[in-house]
PDB file of N, CA and C in Angstrom:
ATOM      1  N   UNK A   1     -55.764 -28.877 -35.951  1.00  0.00           N
ATOM      2  CA  UNK A   1     -54.432 -29.313 -35.606  1.00  0.00           C
ATOM      3  C   UNK A   1     -53.449 -28.153 -35.740  1.00  0.00           C
ATOM      4  N   UNK A   2     -53.540 -27.399 -36.750  1.00  0.00           N
ATOM      5  CA  UNK A   2     -52.642 -26.269 -36.973  1.00  0.00           C
ATOM      6  C   UNK A   2     -52.783 -25.230 -35.863  1.00  0.00           C
ATOM      7  N   UNK A   3     -54.062 -24.995 -35.427  1.00  0.00           N
ATOM      8  CA  UNK A   3     -54.343 -24.020 -34.380  1.00  0.00           C
ATOM      9  C   UNK A   3     -53.725 -24.458 -33.053  1.00  0.00           C
ATOM     10  N   UNK A   4     -53.874 -25.713 -32.690  1.00  0.00           N
ATOM     11  CA  UNK A   4     -53.308 -26.219 -31.433  1.00  0.00           C
ATOM     12  C   UNK A   4     -51.778 -26.255 -31.511  1.00  0.00           C
ATOM     13  N   UNK A   5     -51.260 -26.486 -32.682  1.00  0.00           N
ATOM     14  CA  UNK A   5     -49.804 -26.475 -32.879  1.00  0.00           C
ATOM     15  C   UNK A   5     -49.260 -25.066 -32.647  1.00  0.00           C
ATOM     16  N   UNK A   6     -49.942 -24.035 -33.153  1.00  0.00           N
ATOM     17  CA  UNK A   6     -49.535 -22.635 -32.957  1.00  0.00           C
ATOM     18  C   UNK A   6     -49.599 -22.236 -31.478  1.00  0.00           C
ATOM     19  N   UNK A   7     -50.642 -22.697 -30.785  1.00  0.00           N
ATOM     20  CA  UNK A   7     -50.774 -22.395 -29.352  1.00  0.00           C
ATOM     21  C   UNK A   7     -49.624 -23.042 -28.586  1.00  0.00           C
ATOM     22  N   UNK A   8     -49.335 -24.297 -28.894  1.00  0.00           N
ATOM     23  CA  UNK A   8     -48.236 -25.002 -28.237  1.00  0.00           C
ATOM     24  C   UNK A   8     -46.903 -24.307 -28.508  1.00  0.00           C
ATOM     25  N   UNK A   9     -46.673 -23.898 -29.734  1.00  0.00           N
ATOM     26  CA  UNK A   9     -45.445 -23.203 -30.100  1.00  0.00           C
ATOM     27  C   UNK A   9     -45.352 -21.860 -29.383  1.00  0.00           C
ATOM     28  N   UNK A  10     -46.460 -21.131 -29.301  1.00  0.00           N
ATOM     29  CA  UNK A  10     -46.482 -19.840 -28.593  1.00  0.00           C
ATOM     30  C   UNK A  10     -46.179 -20.030 -27.116  1.00  0.00           C
ATOM     31  N   UNK A  11     -46.770 -21.037 -26.513  1.00  0.00           N
ATOM     32  CA  UNK A  11     -46.530 -21.312 -25.093  1.00  0.00           C
ATOM     33  C   UNK A  11     -45.066 -21.699 -24.860  1.00  0.00           C
ATOM     34  N   UNK A  12     -44.518 -22.502 -25.766  1.00  0.00           N
ATOM     35  CA  UNK A  12     -43.119 -22.914 -25.639  1.00  0.00           C
ATOM     36  C   UNK A  12     -42.201 -21.705 -25.731  1.00  0.00           C
ATOM     37  N   UNK A  13     -42.485 -20.785 -26.645  1.00  0.00           N
ATOM     38  CA  UNK A  13     -41.685 -19.569 -26.796  1.00  0.00           C
ATOM     39  C   UNK A  13     -41.782 -18.718 -25.528  1.00  0.00           C
ATOM     40  N   UNK A  14     -42.977 -18.588 -24.979  1.00  0.00           N
ATOM     41  CA  UNK A  14     -43.169 -17.803 -23.756  1.00  0.00           C
ATOM     42  C   UNK A  14     -42.407 -18.431 -22.593  1.00  0.00           C
ATOM     43  N   UNK A  15     -42.469 -19.747 -22.479  1.00  0.00           N
ATOM     44  CA  UNK A  15     -41.751 -20.442 -21.407  1.00  0.00           C
ATOM     45  C   UNK A  15     -40.244 -20.257 -21.567  1.00  0.00           C
ATOM     46  N   UNK A  16     -39.757 -20.399 -22.770  1.00  0.00           N
ATOM     47  CA  UNK A  16     -38.318 -20.243 -23.013  1.00  0.00           C
ATOM     48  C   UNK A  16     -37.874 -18.816 -22.710  1.00  0.00           C
ATOM     49  N   UNK A  17     -38.637 -17.828 -23.134  1.00  0.00           N
ATOM     50  CA  UNK A  17     -38.313 -16.436 -22.837  1.00  0.00           C
ATOM     51  C   UNK A  17     -38.350 -16.159 -21.328  1.00  0.00           C
ATOM     52  N   UNK A  18     -39.349 -16.746 -20.664  1.00  0.00           N
ATOM     53  CA  UNK A  18     -39.446 -16.577 -19.214  1.00  0.00           C
ATOM     54  C   UNK A  18     -38.235 -17.174 -18.513  1.00  0.00           C
ATOM     55  N   UNK A  19     -37.836 -18.364 -18.934  1.00  0.00           N
ATOM     56  CA  UNK A  19     -36.646 -18.993 -18.360  1.00  0.00           C
ATOM     57  C   UNK A  19     -35.386 -18.160 -18.643  1.00  0.00           C
ATOM     58  N   UNK A  20     -35.300 -17.647 -19.840  1.00  0.00           N
ATOM     59  CA  UNK A  20     -34.155 -16.816 -20.220  1.00  0.00           C
ATOM     60  C   UNK A  20     -34.078 -15.573 -19.333  1.00  0.00           C
ATOM     61  N   UNK A  21     -35.217 -14.896 -19.133  1.00  0.00           N
ATOM     62  CA  UNK A  21     -35.256 -13.710 -18.274  1.00  0.00           C
ATOM     63  C   UNK A  21     -34.937 -14.071 -16.825  1.00  0.00           C
ATOM     64  N   UNK A  22     -35.433 -15.219 -16.378  1.00  0.00           N
ATOM     65  CA  UNK A  22     -35.149 -15.657 -15.013  1.00  0.00           C
ATOM     66  C   UNK A  22     -33.664 -15.947 -14.832  1.00  0.00           C
ATOM     67  N   UNK A  23     -33.047 -16.560 -15.832  1.00  0.00           N
ATOM     68  CA  UNK A  23     -31.614 -16.858 -15.755  1.00  0.00           C
ATOM     69  C   UNK A  23     -30.803 -15.568 -15.678  1.00  0.00           C
ATOM     70  N   UNK A  24     -31.199 -14.562 -16.422  1.00  0.00           N
ATOM     71  CA  UNK A  24     -30.448 -13.308 -16.444  1.00  0.00           C
ATOM     72  C   UNK A  24     -30.735 -12.463 -15.215  1.00  0.00           C
ATOM     73  N   UNK A  25     -31.994 -12.249 -14.886  1.00  0.00           N
ATOM     74  CA  UNK A  25     -32.361 -11.281 -13.858  1.00  0.00           C
ATOM     75  C   UNK A  25     -32.857 -11.894 -12.550  1.00  0.00           C
ATOM     76  N   UNK A  26     -33.052 -13.172 -12.481  1.00  0.00           N
ATOM     77  CA  UNK A  26     -33.572 -13.798 -11.273  1.00  0.00           C
ATOM     78  C   UNK A  26     -32.535 -13.872 -10.162  1.00  0.00           C
ATOM     79  N   UNK A  27     -32.946 -14.417  -9.023  1.00  0.00           N
ATOM     80  CA  UNK A  27     -32.012 -14.603  -7.917  1.00  0.00           C
ATOM     81  C   UNK A  27     -30.840 -15.456  -8.395  1.00  0.00           C
ATOM     82  N   UNK A  28     -29.638 -15.006  -8.058  1.00  0.00           N
ATOM     83  CA  UNK A  28     -28.401 -15.672  -8.484  1.00  0.00           C
ATOM     84  C   UNK A  28     -28.291 -15.754  -9.998  1.00  0.00           C
ATOM     85  N   UNK A  29     -28.833 -14.780 -10.685  1.00  0.00           N
ATOM     86  CA  UNK A  29     -28.770 -14.741 -12.144  1.00  0.00           C
ATOM     87  C   UNK A  29     -27.473 -14.120 -12.630  1.00  0.00           C
ATOM     88  N   UNK A  30     -27.378 -13.966 -13.920  1.00  0.00           N
ATOM     89  CA  UNK A  30     -26.162 -13.438 -14.527  1.00  0.00           C
ATOM     90  C   UNK A  30     -25.890 -11.996 -14.125  1.00  0.00           C
ATOM     91  N   UNK A  31     -26.952 -11.190 -13.956  1.00  0.00           N
ATOM     92  CA  UNK A  31     -26.762  -9.795 -13.552  1.00  0.00           C
ATOM     93  C   UNK A  31     -26.139  -9.729 -12.161  1.00  0.00           C
ATOM     94  N   UNK A  32     -26.635 -10.569 -11.244  1.00  0.00           N
ATOM     95  CA  UNK A  32     -26.064 -10.599  -9.892  1.00  0.00           C
ATOM     96  C   UNK A  32     -24.648 -11.155  -9.916  1.00  0.00           C
ATOM     97  N   UNK A  33     -24.394 -12.132 -10.765  1.00  0.00           N
ATOM     98  CA  UNK A  33     -23.052 -12.695 -10.896  1.00  0.00           C
ATOM     99  C   UNK A  33     -22.065 -11.628 -11.343  1.00  0.00           C
ATOM    100  N   UNK A  34     -22.460 -10.822 -12.317  1.00  0.00           N
ATOM    101  CA  UNK A  34     -21.591  -9.748 -12.801  1.00  0.00           C
ATOM    102  C   UNK A  34     -21.307  -8.748 -11.685  1.00  0.00           C
ATOM    103  N   UNK A  35     -22.346  -8.398 -10.914  1.00  0.00           N
ATOM    104  CA  UNK A  35     -22.178  -7.464  -9.806  1.00  0.00           C
ATOM    105  C   UNK A  35     -21.247  -8.051  -8.745  1.00  0.00           C
ATOM    106  N   UNK A  36     -21.382  -9.338  -8.467  1.00  0.00           N
ATOM    107  CA  UNK A  36     -20.539  -9.989  -7.469  1.00  0.00           C
ATOM    108  C   UNK A  36     -19.087 -10.061  -7.933  1.00  0.00           C
ATOM    109  N   UNK A  37     -18.866 -10.290  -9.217  1.00  0.00           N
ATOM    110  CA  UNK A  37     -17.502 -10.313  -9.749  1.00  0.00           C
ATOM    111  C   UNK A  37     -16.856  -8.937  -9.631  1.00  0.00           C
ATOM    112  N   UNK A  38     -17.629  -7.895  -9.904  1.00  0.00           N
ATOM    113  CA  UNK A  38     -17.118  -6.534  -9.781  1.00  0.00           C
ATOM    114  C   UNK A  38     -16.769  -6.235  -8.325  1.00  0.00           C
ATOM    115  N   UNK A  39     -17.610  -6.657  -7.422  1.00  0.00           N
ATOM    116  CA  UNK A  39     -17.361  -6.473  -5.988  1.00  0.00           C
ATOM    117  C   UNK A  39     -16.112  -7.242  -5.564  1.00  0.00           C
ATOM    118  N   UNK A  40     -15.976  -8.463  -6.050  1.00  0.00           N
ATOM    119  CA  UNK A  40     -14.795  -9.272  -5.734  1.00  0.00           C
ATOM    120  C   UNK A  40     -13.523  -8.609  -6.242  1.00  0.00           C
ATOM    121  N   UNK A  41     -13.562  -8.096  -7.468  1.00  0.00           N
ATOM    122  CA  UNK A  41     -12.392  -7.430  -8.029  1.00  0.00           C
ATOM    123  C   UNK A  41     -11.998  -6.209  -7.202  1.00  0.00           C
ATOM    124  N   UNK A  42     -12.997  -5.484  -6.729  1.00  0.00           N
ATOM    125  CA  UNK A  42     -12.738  -4.327  -5.879  1.00  0.00           C
ATOM    126  C   UNK A  42     -12.090  -4.763  -4.570  1.00  0.00           C
ATOM    127  N   UNK A  43     -12.569  -5.841  -3.990  1.00  0.00           N
ATOM    128  CA  UNK A  43     -11.992  -6.342  -2.743  1.00  0.00           C
ATOM    129  C   UNK A  43     -10.564  -6.838  -2.949  1.00  0.00           C
ATOM    130  N   UNK A  44     -10.309  -7.493  -4.057  1.00  0.00           N
ATOM    131  CA  UNK A  44      -8.949  -7.967  -4.352  1.00  0.00           C
ATOM    132  C   UNK A  44      -8.004  -6.782  -4.468  1.00  0.00           C
ATOM    133  N   UNK A  45      -8.445  -5.716  -5.152  1.00  0.00           N
ATOM    134  CA  UNK A  45      -7.623  -4.517  -5.295  1.00  0.00           C
ATOM    135  C   UNK A  45      -7.344  -3.883  -3.933  1.00  0.00           C
ATOM    136  N   UNK A  46      -8.384  -3.748  -3.098  1.00  0.00           N
ATOM    137  CA  UNK A  46      -8.206  -3.181  -1.758  1.00  0.00           C
ATOM    138  C   UNK A  46      -7.294  -4.060  -0.910  1.00  0.00           C
ATOM    139  N   UNK A  47      -7.409  -5.361  -1.075  1.00  0.00           N
ATOM    140  CA  UNK A  47      -6.565  -6.295  -0.341  1.00  0.00           C
ATOM    141  C   UNK A  47      -5.101  -6.124  -0.741  1.00  0.00           C
ATOM    142  N   UNK A  48      -4.837  -5.931  -2.024  1.00  0.00           N
ATOM    143  CA  UNK A  48      -3.465  -5.712  -2.478  1.00  0.00           C
ATOM    144  C   UNK A  48      -2.878  -4.442  -1.873  1.00  0.00           C
ATOM    145  N   UNK A  49      -3.682  -3.393  -1.789  1.00  0.00           N
ATOM    146  CA  UNK A  49      -3.228  -2.143  -1.175  1.00  0.00           C
ATOM    147  C   UNK A  49      -2.910  -2.375   0.298  1.00  0.00           C
ATOM    148  N   UNK A  50      -3.773  -3.110   0.988  1.00  0.00           N
ATOM    149  CA  UNK A  50      -3.549  -3.399   2.402  1.00  0.00           C
ATOM    150  C   UNK A  50      -2.282  -4.239   2.599  1.00  0.00           C
ATOM    151  N   UNK A  51      -2.037  -5.171   1.707  1.00  0.00           N
ATOM    152  CA  UNK A  51      -0.819  -5.995   1.794  1.00  0.00           C
ATOM    153  C   UNK A  51       0.415  -5.112   1.646  1.00  0.00           C
ATOM    154  N   UNK A  52       0.387  -4.181   0.689  1.00  0.00           N
ATOM    155  CA  UNK A  52       1.522  -3.280   0.501  1.00  0.00           C
ATOM    156  C   UNK A  52       1.748  -2.408   1.725  1.00  0.00           C
ATOM    157  N   UNK A  53       0.673  -1.872   2.303  1.00  0.00           N
ATOM    158  CA  UNK A  53       0.798  -1.050   3.511  1.00  0.00           C
ATOM    159  C   UNK A  53       1.346  -1.881   4.667  1.00  0.00           C
ATOM    160  N   UNK A  54       0.874  -3.113   4.780  1.00  0.00           N
ATOM    161  CA  UNK A  54       1.331  -4.003   5.840  1.00  0.00           C
ATOM    162  C   UNK A  54       2.819  -4.296   5.698  1.00  0.00           C
ATOM    163  N   UNK A  55       3.266  -4.568   4.486  1.00  0.00           N
ATOM    164  CA  UNK A  55       4.691  -4.820   4.255  1.00  0.00           C
ATOM    165  C   UNK A  55       5.531  -3.595   4.598  1.00  0.00           C
ATOM    166  N   UNK A  56       5.033  -2.419   4.231  1.00  0.00           N
ATOM    167  CA  UNK A  56       5.731  -1.181   4.539  1.00  0.00           C
ATOM    168  C   UNK A  56       5.850  -0.984   6.049  1.00  0.00           C
ATOM    169  N   UNK A  57       4.762  -1.245   6.761  1.00  0.00           N
ATOM    170  CA  UNK A  57       4.791  -1.117   8.221  1.00  0.00           C
ATOM    171  C   UNK A  57       5.736  -2.141   8.851  1.00  0.00           C
ATOM    172  N   UNK A  58       5.758  -3.356   8.324  1.00  0.00           N
ATOM    173  CA  UNK A  58       6.675  -4.381   8.838  1.00  0.00           C
ATOM    174  C   UNK A  58       8.121  -3.962   8.643  1.00  0.00           C
ATOM    175  N   UNK A  59       8.422  -3.386   7.478  1.00  0.00           N
ATOM    176  CA  UNK A  59       9.791  -2.901   7.232  1.00  0.00           C
ATOM    177  C   UNK A  59      10.143  -1.780   8.204  1.00  0.00           C
ATOM    178  N   UNK A  60       9.195  -0.870   8.437  1.00  0.00           N
ATOM    179  CA  UNK A  60       9.441   0.235   9.368  1.00  0.00           C
ATOM    180  C   UNK A  60       9.677  -0.293  10.777  1.00  0.00           C
ATOM    181  N   UNK A  61       8.896  -1.272  11.184  1.00  0.00           N
ATOM    182  CA  UNK A  61       9.069  -1.858  12.515  1.00  0.00           C
ATOM    183  C   UNK A  61      10.449  -2.476  12.655  1.00  0.00           C
ATOM    184  N   UNK A  62      10.856  -3.229  11.653  1.00  0.00           N
ATOM    185  CA  UNK A  62      12.180  -3.867  11.712  1.00  0.00           C
ATOM    186  C   UNK A  62      13.291  -2.813  11.767  1.00  0.00           C
ATOM    187  N   UNK A  63      13.143  -1.748  10.995  1.00  0.00           N
ATOM    188  CA  UNK A  63      14.156  -0.682  11.018  1.00  0.00           C
ATOM    189  C   UNK A  63      14.161   0.037  12.358  1.00  0.00           C
ATOM    190  N   UNK A  64      12.982   0.241  12.947  1.00  0.00           N
ATOM    191  CA  UNK A  64      12.914   0.897  14.255  1.00  0.00           C
ATOM    192  C   UNK A  64      13.542   0.024  15.341  1.00  0.00           C
ATOM    193  N   UNK A  65      13.537  -1.272  15.157  1.00  0.00           N
ATOM    194  CA  UNK A  65      14.158  -2.176  16.132  1.00  0.00           C
ATOM    195  C   UNK A  65      15.684  -2.175  16.026  1.00  0.00           C
ATOM    196  N   UNK A  66      16.233  -1.867  14.844  1.00  0.00           N
ATOM    197  CA  UNK A  66      17.663  -2.097  14.659  1.00  0.00           C
ATOM    198  C   UNK A  66      18.460  -0.936  14.064  1.00  0.00           C
ATOM    199  N   UNK A  67      17.840   0.044  13.442  1.00  0.00           N
ATOM    200  CA  UNK A  67      18.562   1.093  12.718  1.00  0.00           C
ATOM    201  C   UNK A  67      18.489   2.421  13.481  1.00  0.00           C
ATOM    202  N   UNK A  68      19.606   2.788  14.122  1.00  0.00           N
ATOM    203  CA  UNK A  68      19.642   4.002  14.950  1.00  0.00           C
ATOM    204  C   UNK A  68      19.390   5.260  14.115  1.00  0.00           C
ATOM    205  N   UNK A  69      19.933   5.320  12.917  1.00  0.00           N
ATOM    206  CA  UNK A  69      19.741   6.497  12.067  1.00  0.00           C
ATOM    207  C   UNK A  69      18.266   6.643  11.678  1.00  0.00           C
ATOM    208  N   UNK A  70      17.613   5.534  11.419  1.00  0.00           N
ATOM    209  CA  UNK A  70      16.183   5.572  11.079  1.00  0.00           C
ATOM    210  C   UNK A  70      15.366   6.028  12.281  1.00  0.00           C
ATOM    211  N   UNK A  71      15.734   5.539  13.465  1.00  0.00           N
ATOM    212  CA  UNK A  71      15.044   5.963  14.686  1.00  0.00           C
ATOM    213  C   UNK A  71      15.184   7.465  14.876  1.00  0.00           C
ATOM    214  N   UNK A  72      16.403   7.975  14.701  1.00  0.00           N
ATOM    215  CA  UNK A  72      16.642   9.414  14.853  1.00  0.00           C
ATOM    216  C   UNK A  72      15.842  10.219  13.833  1.00  0.00           C
ATOM    217  N   UNK A  73      15.873   9.782  12.599  1.00  0.00           N
ATOM    218  CA  UNK A  73      15.137  10.477  11.534  1.00  0.00           C
ATOM    219  C   UNK A  73      13.630  10.481  11.825  1.00  0.00           C
ATOM    220  N   UNK A  74      13.112   9.353  12.278  1.00  0.00           N
ATOM    221  CA  UNK A  74      11.686   9.257  12.589  1.00  0.00           C
ATOM    222  C   UNK A  74      11.326  10.155  13.765  1.00  0.00           C
ATOM    223  N   UNK A  75      12.166  10.181  14.792  1.00  0.00           N
ATOM    224  CA  UNK A  75      11.906  11.032  15.954  1.00  0.00           C
ATOM    225  C   UNK A  75      11.917  12.504  15.554  1.00  0.00           C
ATOM    226  N   UNK A  76      12.840  12.894  14.697  1.00  0.00           N
ATOM    227  CA  UNK A  76      12.892  14.288  14.234  1.00  0.00           C
ATOM    228  C   UNK A  76      11.652  14.634  13.396  1.00  0.00           C
ATOM    229  N   UNK A  77      11.298  13.746  12.497  1.00  0.00           N
ATOM    230  CA  UNK A  77      10.202  14.023  11.570  1.00  0.00           C
ATOM    231  C   UNK A  77       8.840  13.974  12.260  1.00  0.00           C
ATOM    232  N   UNK A  78       8.594  12.932  13.043  1.00  0.00           N
ATOM    233  CA  UNK A  78       7.255  12.735  13.596  1.00  0.00           C
ATOM    234  C   UNK A  78       7.054  13.405  14.952  1.00  0.00           C
ATOM    235  N   UNK A  79       8.113  13.511  15.732  1.00  0.00           N
ATOM    236  CA  UNK A  79       7.969  14.049  17.079  1.00  0.00           C
ATOM    237  C   UNK A  79       8.553  15.447  17.233  1.00  0.00           C
ATOM    238  N   UNK A  80       9.229  15.928  16.194  1.00  0.00           N
ATOM    239  CA  UNK A  80       9.818  17.259  16.255  1.00  0.00           C
ATOM    240  C   UNK A  80      10.989  17.348  17.213  1.00  0.00           C
ATOM    241  N   UNK A  81      11.641  16.248  17.454  1.00  0.00           N
ATOM    242  CA  UNK A  81      12.773  16.242  18.396  1.00  0.00           C
ATOM    243  C   UNK A  81      14.013  16.835  17.736  1.00  0.00           C
ATOM    244  N   UNK A  82      14.907  17.338  18.575  1.00  0.00           N
ATOM    245  CA  UNK A  82      16.177  17.885  18.095  1.00  0.00           C
ATOM    246  C   UNK A  82      17.303  17.117  18.760  1.00  0.00           C
ATOM    247  N   UNK A  83      18.470  17.180  18.141  1.00  0.00           N
ATOM    248  CA  UNK A  83      19.625  16.483  18.668  1.00  0.00           C
ATOM    249  C   UNK A  83      20.339  17.280  19.740  1.00  0.00           C
ATOM    250  N   UNK A  84      21.236  16.623  20.413  1.00  0.00           N
ATOM    251  CA  UNK A  84      22.030  17.254  21.461  1.00  0.00           C
ATOM    252  C   UNK A  84      22.894  18.353  20.838  1.00  0.00           C
ATOM    253  N   UNK A  85      22.998  19.476  21.535  1.00  0.00           N
ATOM    254  CA  UNK A  85      23.804  20.627  21.110  1.00  0.00           C
ATOM    255  C   UNK A  85      23.301  21.283  19.823  1.00  0.00           C
ATOM    256  N   UNK A  86      22.053  21.075  19.471  1.00  0.00           N
ATOM    257  CA  UNK A  86      21.481  21.751  18.311  1.00  0.00           C
ATOM    258  C   UNK A  86      20.725  22.984  18.798  1.00  0.00           C
ATOM    259  N   UNK A  87      20.728  24.000  17.991  1.00  0.00           N
ATOM    260  CA  UNK A  87      20.048  25.245  18.333  1.00  0.00           C
ATOM    261  C   UNK A  87      18.903  25.439  17.346  1.00  0.00           C
ATOM    262  N   UNK A  88      17.748  25.807  17.877  1.00  0.00           N
ATOM    263  CA  UNK A  88      16.578  26.042  17.042  1.00  0.00           C
ATOM    264  C   UNK A  88      16.377  27.543  16.934  1.00  0.00           C
ATOM    265  N   UNK A  89      16.237  28.011  15.714  1.00  0.00           N
ATOM    266  CA  UNK A  89      15.947  29.418  15.458  1.00  0.00           C
ATOM    267  C   UNK A  89      14.494  29.521  15.022  1.00  0.00           C
ATOM    268  N   UNK A  90      13.740  30.354  15.720  1.00  0.00           N
ATOM    269  CA  UNK A  90      12.355  30.589  15.323  1.00  0.00           C
ATOM    270  C   UNK A  90      12.271  32.011  14.806  1.00  0.00           C
ATOM    271  N   UNK A  91      11.878  32.150  13.556  1.00  0.00           N
ATOM    272  CA  UNK A  91      11.790  33.457  12.922  1.00  0.00           C
ATOM    273  C   UNK A  91      10.344  33.921  12.893  1.00  0.00           C
ATOM    274  N   UNK A  92      10.147  35.188  13.127  1.00  0.00           N
ATOM    275  CA  UNK A  92       8.803  35.743  12.978  1.00  0.00           C
ATOM    276  C   UNK A  92       8.564  36.011  11.506  1.00  0.00           C
ATOM    277  N   UNK A  93       7.342  36.362  11.181  1.00  0.00           N
ATOM    278  CA  UNK A  93       6.984  36.573   9.772  1.00  0.00           C
ATOM    279  C   UNK A  93       7.797  37.710   9.165  1.00  0.00           C
ATOM    280  N   UNK A  94       8.054  38.797   9.909  1.00  0.00           N
ATOM    281  CA  UNK A  94       8.831  39.895   9.357  1.00  0.00           C
ATOM    282  C   UNK A  94      10.300  39.509   9.190  1.00  0.00           C
ATOM    283  N   UNK A  95      10.822  38.683  10.062  1.00  0.00           N
ATOM    284  CA  UNK A  95      12.216  38.223   9.941  1.00  0.00           C
ATOM    285  C   UNK A  95      12.368  37.248   8.783  1.00  0.00           C
ATOM    286  N   UNK A  96      11.327  36.466   8.534  1.00  0.00           N
ATOM    287  CA  UNK A  96      11.393  35.508   7.421  1.00  0.00           C
ATOM    288  C   UNK A  96      11.540  36.263   6.096  1.00  0.00           C
ATOM    289  N   UNK A  97      10.831  37.368   5.962  1.00  0.00           N
ATOM    290  CA  UNK A  97      10.914  38.162   4.738  1.00  0.00           C
ATOM    291  C   UNK A  97      12.293  38.766   4.541  1.00  0.00           C
ATOM    292  N   UNK A  98      12.942  39.172   5.642  1.00  0.00           N
ATOM    293  CA  UNK A  98      14.287  39.728   5.561  1.00  0.00           C
ATOM    294  C   UNK A  98      15.333  38.668   5.259  1.00  0.00           C
ATOM    295  N   UNK A  99      15.115  37.469   5.762  1.00  0.00           N
ATOM    296  CA  UNK A  99      16.098  36.414   5.612  1.00  0.00           C
ATOM    297  C   UNK A  99      16.123  35.859   4.187  1.00  0.00           C
ATOM    298  N   UNK A 100      15.002  35.951   3.488  1.00  0.00           N
ATOM    299  CA  UNK A 100      14.949  35.389   2.140  1.00  0.00           C
ATOM    300  C   UNK A 100      15.498  36.407   1.135  1.00  0.00           C
ATOM    301  N   UNK A 101      16.273  35.953   0.152  1.00  0.00           N
ATOM    302  CA  UNK A 101      16.833  36.876  -0.851  1.00  0.00           C
ATOM    303  C   UNK A 101      15.805  37.401  -1.818  1.00  0.00           C
TER     304      UNK A 101
END
C-alpha cells in the first residue's frame, strides 16, 4: 500500500508540474501573454505619437487655410520663396570670410 501510494503521489506531482509548465510556456501561456502585453504597450505608445503628429498637421492645415503670415512663413521656409522687392545676396566662400568679424 505504501509503495502504490508513493507512485500515485509521484504521478500527481509530475502531472501538476506538467500542467504548471504548460500554463507558463504553452500556447497562450503566461510567457506569450507577457510578450503580447509588451507589444500592446509599444503600439499604444506609437499610437500616441501618431495622434500628436496628426493634431499638429491638422493645426497646420487650419493655419494654412486662414493665416496669411503663416502661409508666407511656410513658403519662405519650405519653398525658399522671397517677398516682393526683396534682394537676395549670394556670397562666395571667400566673401563669407571677409563679411564675418
